[in-house]
């Protein structure tokens, strides 16, 4: 792994922790969406993750295809360009189902 990729993974890991922190007090997508600050902070951090994924070397992404890098980057584009058309239930599902798995995978790659 290139040194640059390692530091990007550390940044992604910290950003994942922020999303989990900002969403942890809510039981439903509707509750999270009702809190502008936490919802907006979570969305911004999804954008940050997408930006960081885009900075990973192609070599690294090719060697670690178990992570759907393209989909992660695509989510960044959806949030950044269609912010007012985001399906909150899908975002909630990503936070509750996909982010914990992504977090585990990033931790494996770091270690």
PDB file of N, CA and C in Angstrom:
ATOM      1  N   UNK A   1       0.844  -1.178   0.000  1.00  0.00           N
ATOM      2  CA  UNK A   1       0.000   0.000   0.000  1.00  0.00           C
ATOM      3  C   UNK A   1       0.884   1.234   0.000  1.00  0.00           C
ATOM      4  N   UNK A   2       0.526   2.166  -0.840  1.00  0.00           N
ATOM      5  CA  UNK A   2       1.255   3.425  -0.868  1.00  0.00           C
ATOM      6  C   UNK A   2       0.989   4.191   0.420  1.00  0.00           C
ATOM      7  N   UNK A   3       1.981   4.938   0.878  1.00  0.00           N
ATOM      8  CA  UNK A   3       1.849   5.735   2.088  1.00  0.00           C
ATOM      9  C   UNK A   3       0.634   6.669   1.995  1.00  0.00           C
ATOM     10  N   UNK A   4       0.438   7.251   0.823  1.00  0.00           N
ATOM     11  CA  UNK A   4      -0.695   8.156   0.605  1.00  0.00           C
ATOM     12  C   UNK A   4      -2.015   7.433   0.856  1.00  0.00           C
ATOM     13  N   UNK A   5      -2.144   6.217   0.358  1.00  0.00           N
ATOM     14  CA  UNK A   5      -3.371   5.444   0.537  1.00  0.00           C
ATOM     15  C   UNK A   5      -3.643   5.174   2.020  1.00  0.00           C
ATOM     16  N   UNK A   6      -2.603   4.887   2.763  1.00  0.00           N
ATOM     17  CA  UNK A   6      -2.748   4.625   4.193  1.00  0.00           C
ATOM     18  C   UNK A   6      -3.364   5.829   4.910  1.00  0.00           C
ATOM     19  N   UNK A   7      -2.856   7.013   4.637  1.00  0.00           N
ATOM     20  CA  UNK A   7      -3.369   8.217   5.291  1.00  0.00           C
ATOM     21  C   UNK A   7      -4.788   8.553   4.839  1.00  0.00           C
ATOM     22  N   UNK A   8      -5.108   8.238   3.611  1.00  0.00           N
ATOM     23  CA  UNK A   8      -6.473   8.425   3.132  1.00  0.00           C
ATOM     24  C   UNK A   8      -7.406   7.471   3.873  1.00  0.00           C
ATOM     25  N   UNK A   9      -6.987   6.244   4.067  1.00  0.00           N
ATOM     26  CA  UNK A   9      -7.798   5.276   4.817  1.00  0.00           C
ATOM     27  C   UNK A   9      -8.030   5.744   6.250  1.00  0.00           C
ATOM     28  N   UNK A  10      -7.007   6.326   6.864  1.00  0.00           N
ATOM     29  CA  UNK A  10      -7.178   6.867   8.219  1.00  0.00           C
ATOM     30  C   UNK A  10      -8.225   7.981   8.217  1.00  0.00           C
ATOM     31  N   UNK A  11      -8.184   8.822   7.219  1.00  0.00           N
ATOM     32  CA  UNK A  11      -9.163   9.903   7.106  1.00  0.00           C
ATOM     33  C   UNK A  11     -10.573   9.344   6.910  1.00  0.00           C
ATOM     34  N   UNK A  12     -10.699   8.338   6.063  1.00  0.00           N
ATOM     35  CA  UNK A  12     -11.997   7.698   5.839  1.00  0.00           C
ATOM     36  C   UNK A  12     -12.515   7.090   7.142  1.00  0.00           C
ATOM     37  N   UNK A  13     -11.646   6.446   7.885  1.00  0.00           N
ATOM     38  CA  UNK A  13     -12.036   5.840   9.159  1.00  0.00           C
ATOM     39  C   UNK A  13     -12.585   6.886  10.125  1.00  0.00           C
ATOM     40  N   UNK A  14     -11.912   8.014  10.223  1.00  0.00           N
ATOM     41  CA  UNK A  14     -12.379   9.092  11.112  1.00  0.00           C
ATOM     42  C   UNK A  14     -13.718   9.653  10.641  1.00  0.00           C
ATOM     43  N   UNK A  15     -13.886   9.757   9.355  1.00  0.00           N
ATOM     44  CA  UNK A  15     -15.124  10.288   8.801  1.00  0.00           C
ATOM     45  C   UNK A  15     -16.289   9.332   9.038  1.00  0.00           C
ATOM     46  N   UNK A  16     -16.039   8.052   8.918  1.00  0.00           N
ATOM     47  CA  UNK A  16     -17.062   7.043   9.225  1.00  0.00           C
ATOM     48  C   UNK A  16     -17.501   7.190  10.678  1.00  0.00           C
ATOM     49  N   UNK A  17     -16.551   7.354  11.575  1.00  0.00           N
ATOM     50  CA  UNK A  17     -16.882   7.515  12.998  1.00  0.00           C
ATOM     51  C   UNK A  17     -17.776   8.730  13.222  1.00  0.00           C
ATOM     52  N   UNK A  18     -17.541   9.790  12.477  1.00  0.00           N
ATOM     53  CA  UNK A  18     -18.376  10.991  12.599  1.00  0.00           C
ATOM     54  C   UNK A  18     -19.816  10.707  12.165  1.00  0.00           C
ATOM     55  N   UNK A  19     -19.977  10.019  11.046  1.00  0.00           N
ATOM     56  CA  UNK A  19     -21.328   9.683  10.583  1.00  0.00           C
ATOM     57  C   UNK A  19     -22.051   8.853  11.634  1.00  0.00           C
ATOM     58  N   UNK A  20     -21.366   7.868  12.181  1.00  0.00           N
ATOM     59  CA  UNK A  20     -21.988   7.022  13.199  1.00  0.00           C
ATOM     60  C   UNK A  20     -22.330   7.832  14.451  1.00  0.00           C
ATOM     61  N   UNK A  21     -21.471   8.752  14.814  1.00  0.00           N
ATOM     62  CA  UNK A  21     -21.726   9.596  15.984  1.00  0.00           C
ATOM     63  C   UNK A  21     -22.927  10.510  15.743  1.00  0.00           C
ATOM     64  N   UNK A  22     -22.964  11.166  14.596  1.00  0.00           N
ATOM     65  CA  UNK A  22     -24.043  12.111  14.303  1.00  0.00           C
ATOM     66  C   UNK A  22     -25.405  11.428  14.185  1.00  0.00           C
ATOM     67  N   UNK A  23     -25.417  10.162  13.831  1.00  0.00           N
ATOM     68  CA  UNK A  23     -26.689   9.457  13.631  1.00  0.00           C
ATOM     69  C   UNK A  23     -27.076   8.548  14.802  1.00  0.00           C
ATOM     70  N   UNK A  24     -26.222   8.426  15.781  1.00  0.00           N
ATOM     71  CA  UNK A  24     -26.423   7.432  16.841  1.00  0.00           C
ATOM     72  C   UNK A  24     -27.612   7.702  17.763  1.00  0.00           C
ATOM     73  N   UNK A  25     -28.049   8.934  17.890  1.00  0.00           N
ATOM     74  CA  UNK A  25     -29.145   9.253  18.809  1.00  0.00           C
ATOM     75  C   UNK A  25     -30.532   9.054  18.199  1.00  0.00           C
ATOM     76  N   UNK A  26     -30.589   8.597  16.954  1.00  0.00           N
ATOM     77  CA  UNK A  26     -31.864   8.519  16.255  1.00  0.00           C
ATOM     78  C   UNK A  26     -32.258   7.071  15.998  1.00  0.00           C
ATOM     79  N   UNK A  27     -33.566   6.840  16.039  1.00  0.00           N
ATOM     80  CA  UNK A  27     -34.085   5.494  15.812  1.00  0.00           C
ATOM     81  C   UNK A  27     -34.663   5.307  14.411  1.00  0.00           C
ATOM     82  N   UNK A  28     -34.922   6.415  13.728  1.00  0.00           N
ATOM     83  CA  UNK A  28     -35.504   6.334  12.384  1.00  0.00           C
ATOM     84  C   UNK A  28     -34.879   7.385  11.466  1.00  0.00           C
ATOM     85  N   UNK A  29     -35.078   7.173  10.186  1.00  0.00           N
ATOM     86  CA  UNK A  29     -34.610   8.137   9.186  1.00  0.00           C
ATOM     87  C   UNK A  29     -35.304   9.482   9.381  1.00  0.00           C
ATOM     88  N   UNK A  30     -36.570   9.428   9.698  1.00  0.00           N
ATOM     89  CA  UNK A  30     -37.349  10.659   9.886  1.00  0.00           C
ATOM     90  C   UNK A  30     -36.802  11.492  11.045  1.00  0.00           C
ATOM     91  N   UNK A  31     -36.419  10.822  12.125  1.00  0.00           N
ATOM     92  CA  UNK A  31     -35.852  11.536  13.275  1.00  0.00           C
ATOM     93  C   UNK A  31     -34.539  12.221  12.903  1.00  0.00           C
ATOM     94  N   UNK A  32     -33.670  11.492  12.206  1.00  0.00           N
ATOM     95  CA  UNK A  32     -32.395  12.080  11.792  1.00  0.00           C
ATOM     96  C   UNK A  32     -32.644  13.270  10.860  1.00  0.00           C
ATOM     97  N   UNK A  33     -33.526  13.098   9.915  1.00  0.00           N
ATOM     98  CA  UNK A  33     -33.808  14.152   8.949  1.00  0.00           C
ATOM     99  C   UNK A  33     -34.377  15.402   9.624  1.00  0.00           C
ATOM    100  N   UNK A  34     -35.106  15.213  10.707  1.00  0.00           N
ATOM    101  CA  UNK A  34     -35.709  16.339  11.428  1.00  0.00           C
ATOM    102  C   UNK A  34     -34.661  17.209  12.122  1.00  0.00           C
ATOM    103  N   UNK A  35     -33.488  16.662  12.360  1.00  0.00           N
ATOM    104  CA  UNK A  35     -32.419  17.442  12.975  1.00  0.00           C
ATOM    105  C   UNK A  35     -31.481  17.917  11.871  1.00  0.00           C
ATOM    106  N   UNK A  36     -31.675  19.158  11.450  1.00  0.00           N
ATOM    107  CA  UNK A  36     -30.897  19.689  10.327  1.00  0.00           C
ATOM    108  C   UNK A  36     -29.398  19.549  10.529  1.00  0.00           C
ATOM    109  N   UNK A  37     -28.930  19.873  11.710  1.00  0.00           N
ATOM    110  CA  UNK A  37     -27.482  19.860  11.966  1.00  0.00           C
ATOM    111  C   UNK A  37     -26.894  18.459  11.786  1.00  0.00           C
ATOM    112  N   UNK A  38     -27.489  17.470  12.430  1.00  0.00           N
ATOM    113  CA  UNK A  38     -26.925  16.119  12.349  1.00  0.00           C
ATOM    114  C   UNK A  38     -27.105  15.503  10.969  1.00  0.00           C
ATOM    115  N   UNK A  39     -28.252  15.784  10.337  1.00  0.00           N
ATOM    116  CA  UNK A  39     -28.464  15.264   8.992  1.00  0.00           C
ATOM    117  C   UNK A  39     -27.468  15.892   8.016  1.00  0.00           C
ATOM    118  N   UNK A  40     -27.352  17.216   8.056  1.00  0.00           N
ATOM    119  CA  UNK A  40     -26.427  17.898   7.156  1.00  0.00           C
ATOM    120  C   UNK A  40     -24.978  17.469   7.404  1.00  0.00           C
ATOM    121  N   UNK A  41     -24.613  17.302   8.670  1.00  0.00           N
ATOM    122  CA  UNK A  41     -23.250  16.863   8.997  1.00  0.00           C
ATOM    123  C   UNK A  41     -22.996  15.456   8.450  1.00  0.00           C
ATOM    124  N   UNK A  42     -23.975  14.595   8.575  1.00  0.00           N
ATOM    125  CA  UNK A  42     -23.821  13.234   8.039  1.00  0.00           C
ATOM    126  C   UNK A  42     -23.657  13.266   6.527  1.00  0.00           C
ATOM    127  N   UNK A  43     -24.482  14.060   5.849  1.00  0.00           N
ATOM    128  CA  UNK A  43     -24.401  14.151   4.388  1.00  0.00           C
ATOM    129  C   UNK A  43     -23.043  14.707   3.954  1.00  0.00           C
ATOM    130  N   UNK A  44     -22.586  15.715   4.657  1.00  0.00           N
ATOM    131  CA  UNK A  44     -21.275  16.292   4.317  1.00  0.00           C
ATOM    132  C   UNK A  44     -20.174  15.256   4.472  1.00  0.00           C
ATOM    133  N   UNK A  45     -20.279  14.433   5.480  1.00  0.00           N
ATOM    134  CA  UNK A  45     -19.246  13.422   5.685  1.00  0.00           C
ATOM    135  C   UNK A  45     -19.316  12.299   4.660  1.00  0.00           C
ATOM    136  N   UNK A  46     -20.505  12.018   4.129  1.00  0.00           N
ATOM    137  CA  UNK A  46     -20.575  11.092   2.996  1.00  0.00           C
ATOM    138  C   UNK A  46     -19.834  11.679   1.795  1.00  0.00           C
ATOM    139  N   UNK A  47     -19.978  12.975   1.591  1.00  0.00           N
ATOM    140  CA  UNK A  47     -19.261  13.646   0.505  1.00  0.00           C
ATOM    141  C   UNK A  47     -17.756  13.553   0.728  1.00  0.00           C
ATOM    142  N   UNK A  48     -17.322  13.770   1.959  1.00  0.00           N
ATOM    143  CA  UNK A  48     -15.888  13.680   2.284  1.00  0.00           C
ATOM    144  C   UNK A  48     -15.368  12.276   1.987  1.00  0.00           C
ATOM    145  N   UNK A  49     -16.109  11.250   2.384  1.00  0.00           N
ATOM    146  CA  UNK A  49     -15.678   9.876   2.106  1.00  0.00           C
ATOM    147  C   UNK A  49     -15.533   9.666   0.602  1.00  0.00           C
ATOM    148  N   UNK A  50     -16.512  10.123  -0.163  1.00  0.00           N
ATOM    149  CA  UNK A  50     -16.441   9.978  -1.619  1.00  0.00           C
ATOM    150  C   UNK A  50     -15.238  10.680  -2.213  1.00  0.00           C
ATOM    151  N   UNK A  51     -14.936  11.867  -1.698  1.00  0.00           N
ATOM    152  CA  UNK A  51     -13.758  12.606  -2.164  1.00  0.00           C
ATOM    153  C   UNK A  51     -12.481  11.831  -1.838  1.00  0.00           C
ATOM    154  N   UNK A  52     -12.405  11.310  -0.642  1.00  0.00           N
ATOM    155  CA  UNK A  52     -11.210  10.559  -0.229  1.00  0.00           C
ATOM    156  C   UNK A  52     -11.046   9.281  -1.052  1.00  0.00           C
ATOM    157  N   UNK A  53     -12.144   8.594  -1.301  1.00  0.00           N
ATOM    158  CA  UNK A  53     -12.088   7.382  -2.131  1.00  0.00           C
ATOM    159  C   UNK A  53     -11.533   7.725  -3.513  1.00  0.00           C
ATOM    160  N   UNK A  54     -11.939   8.865  -4.033  1.00  0.00           N
ATOM    161  CA  UNK A  54     -11.434   9.294  -5.337  1.00  0.00           C
ATOM    162  C   UNK A  54      -9.939   9.560  -5.351  1.00  0.00           C
ATOM    163  N   UNK A  55      -9.356   9.799  -4.194  1.00  0.00           N
ATOM    164  CA  UNK A  55      -7.917  10.069  -4.094  1.00  0.00           C
ATOM    165  C   UNK A  55      -7.080   8.805  -3.922  1.00  0.00           C
ATOM    166  N   UNK A  56      -7.726   7.682  -3.593  1.00  0.00           N
ATOM    167  CA  UNK A  56      -6.974   6.423  -3.457  1.00  0.00           C
ATOM    168  C   UNK A  56      -6.384   6.039  -4.811  1.00  0.00           C
ATOM    169  N   UNK A  57      -5.214   5.436  -4.774  1.00  0.00           N
ATOM    170  CA  UNK A  57      -4.575   5.020  -6.030  1.00  0.00           C
ATOM    171  C   UNK A  57      -5.390   3.920  -6.702  1.00  0.00           C
ATOM    172  N   UNK A  58      -5.369   3.914  -8.010  1.00  0.00           N
ATOM    173  CA  UNK A  58      -6.057   2.863  -8.763  1.00  0.00           C
ATOM    174  C   UNK A  58      -5.487   1.502  -8.404  1.00  0.00           C
ATOM    175  N   UNK A  59      -4.200   1.442  -8.196  1.00  0.00           N
ATOM    176  CA  UNK A  59      -3.548   0.186  -7.818  1.00  0.00           C
ATOM    177  C   UNK A  59      -4.143  -0.362  -6.519  1.00  0.00           C
ATOM    178  N   UNK A  60      -4.313   0.508  -5.542  1.00  0.00           N
ATOM    179  CA  UNK A  60      -4.879   0.089  -4.263  1.00  0.00           C
ATOM    180  C   UNK A  60      -6.317  -0.403  -4.441  1.00  0.00           C
ATOM    181  N   UNK A  61      -7.120   0.356  -5.178  1.00  0.00           N
ATOM    182  CA  UNK A  61      -8.516  -0.033  -5.382  1.00  0.00           C
ATOM    183  C   UNK A  61      -8.614  -1.340  -6.165  1.00  0.00           C
ATOM    184  N   UNK A  62      -7.729  -1.539  -7.133  1.00  0.00           N
ATOM    185  CA  UNK A  62      -7.730  -2.782  -7.905  1.00  0.00           C
ATOM    186  C   UNK A  62      -7.385  -3.981  -7.032  1.00  0.00           C
ATOM    187  N   UNK A  63      -6.503  -3.787  -6.067  1.00  0.00           N
ATOM    188  CA  UNK A  63      -6.100  -4.877  -5.169  1.00  0.00           C
ATOM    189  C   UNK A  63      -7.141  -5.157  -4.089  1.00  0.00           C
ATOM    190  N   UNK A  64      -8.056  -4.236  -3.892  1.00  0.00           N
ATOM    191  CA  UNK A  64      -9.041  -4.357  -2.815  1.00  0.00           C
ATOM    192  C   UNK A  64     -10.453  -4.184  -3.345  1.00  0.00           C
ATOM    193  N   UNK A  65     -10.789  -5.034  -4.287  1.00  0.00           N
ATOM    194  CA  UNK A  65     -12.074  -4.928  -4.962  1.00  0.00           C
ATOM    195  C   UNK A  65     -13.245  -5.432  -4.118  1.00  0.00           C
ATOM    196  N   UNK A  66     -12.960  -5.946  -2.925  1.00  0.00           N
ATOM    197  CA  UNK A  66     -14.043  -6.355  -2.027  1.00  0.00           C
ATOM    198  C   UNK A  66     -14.834  -5.143  -1.551  1.00  0.00           C
ATOM    199  N   UNK A  67     -14.241  -3.963  -1.655  1.00  0.00           N
ATOM    200  CA  UNK A  67     -14.931  -2.712  -1.332  1.00  0.00           C
ATOM    201  C   UNK A  67     -15.447  -2.120  -2.642  1.00  0.00           C
ATOM    202  N   UNK A  68     -16.684  -1.696  -2.637  1.00  0.00           N
ATOM    203  CA  UNK A  68     -17.292  -1.147  -3.850  1.00  0.00           C
ATOM    204  C   UNK A  68     -16.971   0.345  -3.961  1.00  0.00           C
ATOM    205  N   UNK A  69     -15.716   0.616  -4.302  1.00  0.00           N
ATOM    206  CA  UNK A  69     -15.218   1.989  -4.360  1.00  0.00           C
ATOM    207  C   UNK A  69     -16.053   2.863  -5.282  1.00  0.00           C
ATOM    208  N   UNK A  70     -16.442   2.314  -6.428  1.00  0.00           N
ATOM    209  CA  UNK A  70     -17.206   3.081  -7.404  1.00  0.00           C
ATOM    210  C   UNK A  70     -18.547   3.527  -6.821  1.00  0.00           C
ATOM    211  N   UNK A  71     -19.224   2.619  -6.126  1.00  0.00           N
ATOM    212  CA  UNK A  71     -20.525   2.964  -5.537  1.00  0.00           C
ATOM    213  C   UNK A  71     -20.376   4.023  -4.439  1.00  0.00           C
ATOM    214  N   UNK A  72     -19.312   3.937  -3.699  1.00  0.00           N
ATOM    215  CA  UNK A  72     -19.070   4.914  -2.639  1.00  0.00           C
ATOM    216  C   UNK A  72     -18.858   6.298  -3.246  1.00  0.00           C
ATOM    217  N   UNK A  73     -18.073   6.345  -4.289  1.00  0.00           N
ATOM    218  CA  UNK A  73     -17.840   7.621  -4.973  1.00  0.00           C
ATOM    219  C   UNK A  73     -19.132   8.116  -5.639  1.00  0.00           C
ATOM    220  N   UNK A  74     -19.913   7.204  -6.185  1.00  0.00           N
ATOM    221  CA  UNK A  74     -21.176   7.571  -6.829  1.00  0.00           C
ATOM    222  C   UNK A  74     -22.153   8.175  -5.812  1.00  0.00           C
ATOM    223  N   UNK A  75     -22.169   7.645  -4.596  1.00  0.00           N
ATOM    224  CA  UNK A  75     -23.029   8.205  -3.553  1.00  0.00           C
ATOM    225  C   UNK A  75     -22.645   9.647  -3.274  1.00  0.00           C
ATOM    226  N   UNK A  76     -21.353   9.929  -3.275  1.00  0.00           N
ATOM    227  CA  UNK A  76     -20.880  11.300  -3.082  1.00  0.00           C
ATOM    228  C   UNK A  76     -21.480  12.220  -4.137  1.00  0.00           C
ATOM    229  N   UNK A  77     -21.482  11.761  -5.380  1.00  0.00           N
ATOM    230  CA  UNK A  77     -22.020  12.578  -6.472  1.00  0.00           C
ATOM    231  C   UNK A  77     -23.523  12.799  -6.326  1.00  0.00           C
ATOM    232  N   UNK A  78     -24.230  11.776  -5.921  1.00  0.00           N
ATOM    233  CA  UNK A  78     -25.675  11.910  -5.725  1.00  0.00           C
ATOM    234  C   UNK A  78     -25.972  12.934  -4.639  1.00  0.00           C
ATOM    235  N   UNK A  79     -25.285  12.822  -3.518  1.00  0.00           N
ATOM    236  CA  UNK A  79     -25.531  13.744  -2.408  1.00  0.00           C
ATOM    237  C   UNK A  79     -25.133  15.172  -2.796  1.00  0.00           C
ATOM    238  N   UNK A  80     -23.993  15.322  -3.418  1.00  0.00           N
ATOM    239  CA  UNK A  80     -23.496  16.660  -3.752  1.00  0.00           C
ATOM    240  C   UNK A  80     -24.339  17.355  -4.812  1.00  0.00           C
ATOM    241  N   UNK A  81     -24.872  16.595  -5.756  1.00  0.00           N
ATOM    242  CA  UNK A  81     -25.550  17.218  -6.890  1.00  0.00           C
ATOM    243  C   UNK A  81     -27.070  17.144  -6.830  1.00  0.00           C
ATOM    244  N   UNK A  82     -27.597  16.296  -5.952  1.00  0.00           N
ATOM    245  CA  UNK A  82     -29.055  16.137  -5.850  1.00  0.00           C
ATOM    246  C   UNK A  82     -29.489  16.215  -4.393  1.00  0.00           C
ATOM    247  N   UNK A  83     -28.874  17.102  -3.646  1.00  0.00           N
ATOM    248  CA  UNK A  83     -29.067  17.152  -2.201  1.00  0.00           C
ATOM    249  C   UNK A  83     -30.538  17.197  -1.800  1.00  0.00           C
ATOM    250  N   UNK A  84     -31.339  17.988  -2.488  1.00  0.00           N
ATOM    251  CA  UNK A  84     -32.736  18.130  -2.089  1.00  0.00           C
ATOM    252  C   UNK A  84     -33.611  16.992  -2.606  1.00  0.00           C
ATOM    253  N   UNK A  85     -33.038  16.075  -3.357  1.00  0.00           N
ATOM    254  CA  UNK A  85     -33.790  14.927  -3.842  1.00  0.00           C
ATOM    255  C   UNK A  85     -33.335  13.619  -3.219  1.00  0.00           C
ATOM    256  N   UNK A  86     -32.612  13.707  -2.128  1.00  0.00           N
ATOM    257  CA  UNK A  86     -32.079  12.507  -1.482  1.00  0.00           C
ATOM    258  C   UNK A  86     -33.201  11.735  -0.797  1.00  0.00           C
ATOM    259  N   UNK A  87     -33.203  10.431  -0.997  1.00  0.00           N
ATOM    260  CA  UNK A  87     -34.152   9.563  -0.304  1.00  0.00           C
ATOM    261  C   UNK A  87     -33.587   9.266   1.081  1.00  0.00           C
ATOM    262  N   UNK A  88     -34.197   9.852   2.083  1.00  0.00           N
ATOM    263  CA  UNK A  88     -33.700   9.754   3.454  1.00  0.00           C
ATOM    264  C   UNK A  88     -33.712   8.311   3.951  1.00  0.00           C
ATOM    265  N   UNK A  89     -34.701   7.525   3.526  1.00  0.00           N
ATOM    266  CA  UNK A  89     -34.766   6.130   3.960  1.00  0.00           C
ATOM    267  C   UNK A  89     -33.592   5.321   3.427  1.00  0.00           C
ATOM    268  N   UNK A  90     -33.169   5.620   2.206  1.00  0.00           N
ATOM    269  CA  UNK A  90     -32.004   4.917   1.647  1.00  0.00           C
ATOM    270  C   UNK A  90     -30.742   5.324   2.388  1.00  0.00           C
ATOM    271  N   UNK A  91     -30.606   6.610   2.676  1.00  0.00           N
ATOM    272  CA  UNK A  91     -29.443   7.076   3.451  1.00  0.00           C
ATOM    273  C   UNK A  91     -29.421   6.400   4.812  1.00  0.00           C
ATOM    274  N   UNK A  92     -30.578   6.302   5.451  1.00  0.00           N
ATOM    275  CA  UNK A  92     -30.675   5.658   6.764  1.00  0.00           C
ATOM    276  C   UNK A  92     -30.236   4.197   6.671  1.00  0.00           C
ATOM    277  N   UNK A  93     -30.684   3.515   5.639  1.00  0.00           N
ATOM    278  CA  UNK A  93     -30.294   2.119   5.434  1.00  0.00           C
ATOM    279  C   UNK A  93     -28.776   2.008   5.252  1.00  0.00           C
ATOM    280  N   UNK A  94     -28.193   2.920   4.513  1.00  0.00           N
ATOM    281  CA  UNK A  94     -26.741   2.925   4.322  1.00  0.00           C
ATOM    282  C   UNK A  94     -26.038   3.137   5.653  1.00  0.00           C
ATOM    283  N   UNK A  95     -26.539   4.074   6.451  1.00  0.00           N
ATOM    284  CA  UNK A  95     -25.926   4.348   7.754  1.00  0.00           C
ATOM    285  C   UNK A  95     -26.012   3.130   8.659  1.00  0.00           C
ATOM    286  N   UNK A  96     -27.165   2.495   8.703  1.00  0.00           N
ATOM    287  CA  UNK A  96     -27.378   1.388   9.644  1.00  0.00           C
ATOM    288  C   UNK A  96     -26.799   0.058   9.164  1.00  0.00           C
ATOM    289  N   UNK A  97     -26.800  -0.171   7.862  1.00  0.00           N
ATOM    290  CA  UNK A  97     -26.374  -1.472   7.340  1.00  0.00           C
ATOM    291  C   UNK A  97     -24.974  -1.435   6.723  1.00  0.00           C
ATOM    292  N   UNK A  98     -24.755  -0.489   5.830  1.00  0.00           N
ATOM    293  CA  UNK A  98     -23.523  -0.489   5.045  1.00  0.00           C
ATOM    294  C   UNK A  98     -22.333   0.170   5.741  1.00  0.00           C
ATOM    295  N   UNK A  99     -22.568   1.256   6.452  1.00  0.00           N
ATOM    296  CA  UNK A  99     -21.451   1.964   7.096  1.00  0.00           C
ATOM    297  C   UNK A  99     -20.734   1.087   8.129  1.00  0.00           C
ATOM    298  N   UNK A 100     -21.441   0.342   8.983  1.00  0.00           N
ATOM    299  CA  UNK A 100     -20.696  -0.529   9.913  1.00  0.00           C
ATOM    300  C   UNK A 100     -19.832  -1.577   9.199  1.00  0.00           C
ATOM    301  N   UNK A 101     -20.319  -2.120   8.105  1.00  0.00           N
ATOM    302  CA  UNK A 101     -19.528  -3.087   7.331  1.00  0.00           C
ATOM    303  C   UNK A 101     -18.338  -2.403   6.670  1.00  0.00           C
ATOM    304  N   UNK A 102     -18.568  -1.217   6.136  1.00  0.00           N
ATOM    305  CA  UNK A 102     -17.505  -0.434   5.511  1.00  0.00           C
ATOM    306  C   UNK A 102     -16.432  -0.091   6.550  1.00  0.00           C
ATOM    307  N   UNK A 103     -16.872   0.262   7.733  1.00  0.00           N
ATOM    308  CA  UNK A 103     -15.947   0.587   8.822  1.00  0.00           C
ATOM    309  C   UNK A 103     -15.036  -0.608   9.125  1.00  0.00           C
ATOM    310  N   UNK A 104     -15.605  -1.797   9.224  1.00  0.00           N
ATOM    311  CA  UNK A 104     -14.819  -3.005   9.488  1.00  0.00           C
ATOM    312  C   UNK A 104     -13.805  -3.253   8.366  1.00  0.00           C
ATOM    313  N   UNK A 105     -14.238  -3.069   7.148  1.00  0.00           N
ATOM    314  CA  UNK A 105     -13.355  -3.312   5.994  1.00  0.00           C
ATOM    315  C   UNK A 105     -12.209  -2.305   5.985  1.00  0.00           C
ATOM    316  N   UNK A 106     -12.501  -1.049   6.264  1.00  0.00           N
ATOM    317  CA  UNK A 106     -11.447  -0.015   6.304  1.00  0.00           C
ATOM    318  C   UNK A 106     -10.463  -0.323   7.427  1.00  0.00           C
ATOM    319  N   UNK A 107     -10.977  -0.741   8.576  1.00  0.00           N
ATOM    320  CA  UNK A 107     -10.088  -1.091   9.688  1.00  0.00           C
ATOM    321  C   UNK A 107      -9.162  -2.250   9.326  1.00  0.00           C
ATOM    322  N   UNK A 108      -9.687  -3.244   8.610  1.00  0.00           N
ATOM    323  CA  UNK A 108      -8.847  -4.355   8.148  1.00  0.00           C
ATOM    324  C   UNK A 108      -7.739  -3.850   7.218  1.00  0.00           C
ATOM    325  N   UNK A 109      -8.110  -2.961   6.313  1.00  0.00           N
ATOM    326  CA  UNK A 109      -7.141  -2.444   5.352  1.00  0.00           C
ATOM    327  C   UNK A 109      -6.063  -1.601   6.048  1.00  0.00           C
ATOM    328  N   UNK A 110      -6.439  -0.882   7.080  1.00  0.00           N
ATOM    329  CA  UNK A 110      -5.479  -0.077   7.827  1.00  0.00           C
ATOM    330  C   UNK A 110      -4.488  -0.977   8.561  1.00  0.00           C
ATOM    331  N   UNK A 111      -5.022  -2.019   9.140  1.00  0.00           N
ATOM    332  CA  UNK A 111      -4.161  -2.933   9.931  1.00  0.00           C
ATOM    333  C   UNK A 111      -3.460  -3.920   9.032  1.00  0.00           C
TER     334      UNK A 111
END
